[in-house]
C-alpha atoms as a PDB file:
ATOM      1  CA  UNK A   1      -1.879   3.972  14.590  1.00  0.00           C
ATOM      2  CA  UNK A   2      -3.457   4.750  11.130  1.00  0.00           C
ATOM      3  CA  UNK A   3      -6.053   2.782   9.802  1.00  0.00           C
ATOM      4  CA  UNK A   4      -5.663   1.101   6.497  1.00  0.00           C
ATOM      5  CA  UNK A   5      -8.036   0.904   4.145  1.00  0.00           C
ATOM      6  CA  UNK A   6      -8.237  -0.793   0.253  1.00  0.00           C
ATOM      7  CA  UNK A   7      -9.800   0.787  -2.825  1.00  0.00           C
ATOM      8  CA  UNK A   8     -12.211  -1.311  -4.827  1.00  0.00           C
ATOM      9  CA  UNK A   9      -8.831  -1.757  -7.641  1.00  0.00           C
ATOM     10  CA  UNK A  10      -6.735  -3.086  -4.777  1.00  0.00           C
ATOM     11  CA  UNK A  11      -9.436  -5.409  -2.734  1.00  0.00           C
ATOM     12  CA  UNK A  12     -10.019  -6.494  -6.895  1.00  0.00           C
ATOM     13  CA  UNK A  13      -6.500  -7.272  -7.619  1.00  0.00           C
ATOM     14  CA  UNK A  14      -6.168  -8.949  -4.368  1.00  0.00           C
ATOM     15  CA  UNK A  15      -9.141 -11.329  -5.136  1.00  0.00           C
ATOM     16  CA  UNK A  16      -6.705 -13.378  -8.215  1.00  0.00           C
ATOM     17  CA  UNK A  17      -3.174 -13.270  -5.888  1.00  0.00           C
ATOM     18  CA  UNK A  18      -1.510 -16.054  -4.353  1.00  0.00           C
ATOM     19  CA  UNK A  19      -1.692 -16.739  -0.849  1.00  0.00           C
ATOM     20  CA  UNK A  20       1.204 -15.618  -0.468  1.00  0.00           C
ATOM     21  CA  UNK A  21       0.877 -11.932  -1.856  1.00  0.00           C
ATOM     22  CA  UNK A  22      -2.114 -11.531  -0.148  1.00  0.00           C
ATOM     23  CA  UNK A  23       0.278 -12.387   3.124  1.00  0.00           C
ATOM     24  CA  UNK A  24       2.823 -10.245   1.904  1.00  0.00           C
ATOM     25  CA  UNK A  25       0.881  -7.414   1.438  1.00  0.00           C
ATOM     26  CA  UNK A  26      -1.208  -7.295   5.011  1.00  0.00           C
ATOM     27  CA  UNK A  27       2.560  -7.410   6.525  1.00  0.00           C
ATOM     28  CA  UNK A  28       3.018  -4.610   4.370  1.00  0.00           C
ATOM     29  CA  UNK A  29      -0.268  -3.333   5.910  1.00  0.00           C
ATOM     30  CA  UNK A  30       1.068  -3.102   9.129  1.00  0.00           C
ATOM     31  CA  UNK A  31       4.085  -1.123   8.797  1.00  0.00           C
ATOM     32  CA  UNK A  32       2.234   1.214   6.819  1.00  0.00           C
ATOM     33  CA  UNK A  33      -0.378   1.816   9.566  1.00  0.00           C
ATOM     34  CA  UNK A  34       2.364   2.100  12.168  1.00  0.00           C
ATOM     35  CA  UNK A  35       5.057   4.108  10.015  1.00  0.00           C
ATOM     36  CA  UNK A  36       3.337   5.374   7.079  1.00  0.00           C
ATOM     37  CA  UNK A  37       5.966   7.716   6.159  1.00  0.00           C
ATOM     38  CA  UNK A  38       8.597   5.370   5.561  1.00  0.00           C
ATOM     39  CA  UNK A  39       7.550   4.964   1.943  1.00  0.00           C
ATOM     40  CA  UNK A  40       8.982   6.126  -0.617  1.00  0.00           C
ATOM     41  CA  UNK A  41       7.385  10.017  -2.169  1.00  0.00           C
ATOM     42  CA  UNK A  42       5.520   9.006  -5.271  1.00  0.00           C
ATOM     43  CA  UNK A  43       6.630  10.099  -8.632  1.00  0.00           C
ATOM     44  CA  UNK A  44       6.112  13.879  -8.319  1.00  0.00           C
ATOM     45  CA  UNK A  45       2.290  14.232  -6.439  1.00  0.00           C
ATOM     46  CA  UNK A  46       1.827  15.323  -3.626  1.00  0.00           C
ATOM     47  CA  UNK A  47       3.878  14.501  -0.578  1.00  0.00           C
ATOM     48  CA  UNK A  48       1.068  12.319   1.241  1.00  0.00           C
ATOM     49  CA  UNK A  49       1.401  10.232  -1.666  1.00  0.00           C
ATOM     50  CA  UNK A  50       3.773   6.925  -1.066  1.00  0.00           C
ATOM     51  CA  UNK A  51       4.775   3.564  -2.664  1.00  0.00           C
ATOM     52  CA  UNK A  52       6.371   1.000  -0.184  1.00  0.00           C
ATOM     53  CA  UNK A  53       7.733  -2.706  -1.490  1.00  0.00           C
ATOM     54  CA  UNK A  54       6.159  -5.206  -0.373  1.00  0.00           C
ATOM     55  CA  UNK A  55       7.122  -9.037  -1.255  1.00  0.00           C
ATOM     56  CA  UNK A  56       9.427 -10.422  -3.701  1.00  0.00           C
ATOM     57  CA  UNK A  57       8.244  -8.067  -6.667  1.00  0.00           C
ATOM     58  CA  UNK A  58       5.000  -5.970  -5.213  1.00  0.00           C
ATOM     59  CA  UNK A  59       5.285  -2.298  -5.026  1.00  0.00           C
ATOM     60  CA  UNK A  60       2.260  -0.683  -2.682  1.00  0.00           C
ATOM     61  CA  UNK A  61       0.689   3.179  -3.652  1.00  0.00           C
ATOM     62  CA  UNK A  62      -0.916   4.840  -0.933  1.00  0.00           C
ATOM     63  CA  UNK A  63      -2.041   8.355   0.494  1.00  0.00           C
ATOM     64  CA  UNK A  64      -1.789   9.583   3.869  1.00  0.00           C
ATOM     65  CA  UNK A  65      -4.957  10.668   5.069  1.00  0.00           C
ATOM     66  CA  UNK A  66      -3.376  12.829   7.879  1.00  0.00           C
ATOM     67  CA  UNK A  67      -6.094  14.389   9.542  1.00  0.00           C
ATOM     68  CA  UNK A  68      -8.019  11.143   9.578  1.00  0.00           C
ATOM     69  CA  UNK A  69      -5.165   9.009  11.124  1.00  0.00           C
ATOM     70  CA  UNK A  70      -5.683   7.009   7.488  1.00  0.00           C
ATOM     71  CA  UNK A  71      -4.271   4.907   5.522  1.00  0.00           C
ATOM     72  CA  UNK A  72      -5.267   4.689   1.717  1.00  0.00           C
ATOM     73  CA  UNK A  73      -4.023   1.602  -0.396  1.00  0.00           C
ATOM     74  CA  UNK A  74      -4.810   2.978  -4.029  1.00  0.00           C
ATOM     75  CA  UNK A  75      -3.148   0.667  -6.222  1.00  0.00           C
ATOM     76  CA  UNK A  76      -0.667  -2.644  -6.347  1.00  0.00           C
ATOM     77  CA  UNK A  77       2.108  -2.595  -8.665  1.00  0.00           C
ATOM     78  CA  UNK A  78       3.812  -6.172  -9.790  1.00  0.00           C
ATOM     79  CA  UNK A  79       7.091  -5.691 -11.108  1.00  0.00           C
ATOM     80  CA  UNK A  80       8.015  -7.340 -14.079  1.00  0.00           C
ATOM     81  CA  UNK A  81       4.590  -9.354 -14.000  1.00  0.00           C
END
């Protein structure tokens, strides 16, 4: 199991979101903690950078720090918003 931590940007992004969006993010964080490599490789970056859809229109961008057993959620993207 990996520890999931959030960047300052993500913390700021979630403050302004509806409770449902925050709940969706929490559920996705649980999935990432259990199996971080399930996400899709992120835009030509090194393999440790991943993305995973969440909720109805969100995308989580994160970095896997294998040696520290940590996942850093770097950014949230809302599609069509």
